[in-house]
Protein backbone atom coordinates (compact mmCIF):
# COMPACT_ATOMS: atom_id res chain seq x y z
CA MET A 1 26.44 4.23 16.42
CA ALA A 2 28.80 2.72 18.98
CA THR A 3 27.84 3.03 22.63
CA TYR A 4 31.43 3.67 23.67
CA GLU A 5 34.93 4.45 22.44
CA SER A 6 38.25 3.78 24.08
CA ALA A 7 41.76 5.03 23.46
CA HIS A 8 45.05 4.96 25.31
CA ILE A 9 46.48 8.34 26.34
CA ASP A 10 49.45 7.78 24.01
CA GLU A 11 47.07 7.37 21.05
CA ILE A 12 45.44 10.71 21.82
CA ALA A 13 48.62 12.77 22.30
CA SER A 14 49.01 15.61 19.83
CA LYS A 15 51.71 15.06 17.25
CA GLN A 16 52.66 18.77 17.26
CA TRP A 17 52.73 19.00 21.06
CA PRO A 18 53.25 15.47 22.43
CA HIS A 19 53.05 16.79 26.00
CA TRP A 20 49.40 17.77 25.36
CA ILE A 21 46.65 15.13 25.19
CA PRO A 22 43.42 16.69 23.77
CA ILE A 23 40.91 14.19 25.20
CA ARG A 24 37.78 16.30 24.59
CA HIS A 25 38.73 16.93 21.00
CA HIS A 26 39.67 13.28 20.33
CA PHE A 27 36.28 11.96 21.42
CA GLY A 28 34.26 14.94 20.18
CA ILE A 29 32.97 15.67 23.69
CA GLU A 30 30.68 18.70 23.62
CA THR A 31 29.45 18.76 27.24
CA PHE A 32 32.67 19.46 29.17
CA GLY A 33 36.32 20.18 28.52
CA MET A 34 39.04 17.63 29.22
CA ASN A 35 42.73 17.54 28.41
CA ALA A 36 45.80 15.92 29.88
CA TYR A 37 49.36 17.15 30.03
CA ARG A 38 52.55 15.09 30.43
CA ARG A 39 55.93 16.62 31.26
CA ASP A 40 59.26 15.82 32.84
CA ALA A 41 60.83 17.22 36.00
CA GLY A 42 61.25 21.00 35.91
CA GLU A 43 58.93 21.51 32.94
CA GLY A 44 55.70 23.49 33.07
CA ILE A 45 52.92 20.91 32.89
CA VAL A 46 49.89 23.21 33.13
CA PRO A 47 50.46 26.51 31.35
CA GLU A 48 49.80 29.61 33.44
CA HIS A 49 46.29 30.86 32.74
CA ASP A 50 43.02 31.88 34.33
CA GLU A 51 39.42 31.34 33.32
CA SER A 52 38.22 34.95 33.67
CA ALA A 53 36.79 34.98 30.15
CA SER A 54 34.74 31.80 30.60
CA GLY A 55 33.87 32.30 34.27
CA ALA A 56 34.36 28.55 34.73
CA PRO A 57 35.96 26.62 37.57
CA GLU A 58 38.52 23.93 36.76
CA LEU A 59 39.58 20.60 38.27
CA PHE A 60 43.05 19.10 37.93
CA TYR A 61 43.90 15.49 38.79
CA VAL A 62 47.50 14.28 39.07
CA ALA A 63 47.22 10.83 37.49
CA SER A 64 50.90 9.94 37.82
CA GLY A 65 54.14 11.50 38.97
CA HIS A 66 54.39 14.59 41.15
CA CYS A 67 54.04 18.32 40.52
CA THR A 68 53.65 21.65 42.22
CA PHE A 69 50.64 23.81 41.46
CA SER A 70 50.55 27.55 41.87
CA VAL A 71 47.03 28.89 42.38
CA ASN A 72 46.57 32.60 43.05
CA GLY A 73 50.12 32.73 44.40
CA ASP A 74 49.77 29.72 46.73
CA GLU A 75 52.03 26.70 46.19
CA ILE A 76 50.38 23.26 46.40
CA ASP A 77 52.42 20.06 46.59
CA ALA A 78 50.61 17.54 44.40
CA PRO A 79 51.80 13.92 44.28
CA ALA A 80 49.91 11.32 42.20
CA GLY A 81 46.29 11.04 43.33
CA THR A 82 45.95 14.73 44.22
CA CYS A 83 42.94 16.73 43.01
CA VAL A 84 43.16 20.52 42.80
CA TRP A 85 39.80 22.32 42.41
CA VAL A 86 40.10 25.96 41.34
CA SER A 87 36.69 27.47 42.04
CA GLU A 88 37.65 31.10 41.38
CA PRO A 89 37.86 31.63 37.60
CA ALA A 90 40.06 34.75 37.90
CA ALA A 91 42.72 32.96 39.99
CA PRO A 92 45.91 32.44 37.97
CA ARG A 93 46.98 28.80 37.95
CA SER A 94 49.86 26.73 36.64
CA ALA A 95 51.82 23.60 37.52
CA THR A 96 55.40 22.38 37.18
CA ALA A 97 56.37 18.70 37.07
CA LYS A 98 58.66 17.50 39.85
CA THR A 99 59.24 14.01 38.40
CA ASP A 100 59.65 12.70 34.86
CA GLY A 101 56.48 11.47 33.17
CA THR A 102 54.08 13.41 35.38
CA LEU A 103 50.54 13.28 33.94
CA VAL A 104 47.87 15.83 34.92
CA VAL A 105 44.26 15.63 33.72
CA ALA A 106 42.33 18.92 33.49
CA VAL A 107 38.52 19.00 33.49
CA GLY A 108 36.53 22.14 32.82
CA ALA A 109 32.87 22.90 32.36
CA ALA A 110 30.84 26.09 32.15
CA ALA A 111 30.31 28.88 34.61
CA PRO A 112 27.71 27.97 37.23
CA GLY A 113 24.23 28.12 35.73
CA GLN A 114 25.55 28.17 32.15
CA ALA A 115 25.71 25.49 29.45
CA TYR A 116 29.14 24.34 28.28
CA ALA A 117 30.20 25.09 24.71
CA PRO A 118 33.67 24.22 23.36
CA ALA A 119 35.75 27.38 23.06
CA GLY A 120 37.58 26.10 19.99
CA TRP A 121 41.11 26.86 21.15
CA ASP A 122 41.99 23.15 21.04
CA THR A 123 40.91 22.83 17.41
CA GLN A 124 43.03 25.88 16.53
CA TYR A 125 46.09 24.33 18.19
CA LEU A 126 45.53 21.01 16.41
CA GLU A 127 45.24 22.42 12.87
CA GLY A 128 47.78 20.58 10.78
CA ASP A 129 48.13 17.82 13.39
CA SER A 130 47.80 14.50 11.62
């Protein structure tokens, strides 16, 4: 068994949804969730959602470009290098790209005190993706 794997973001991008990069699924990571999203100016880069069902916090990292996050109604200006930590699972969150090619990495785990288990939504979205 190899001690590591590597892949470029462009190799991981979903063929059905090229703006979505299912990192956790690609590497078979079972201990935390991780995806990336790439969009152009004016496009929604992080879909609006909350984590009420999982009870988990979520971290977003703007790897390149510039976007605006909305978290629980607050607007957050987020140029490249910005981290946005959403500690309240019920808080609605989303982001919109302000510049072309903006890349946001999302990292999720389990609710505090719980063990992470993949929810399976990413596998469902990738069915038929070759």
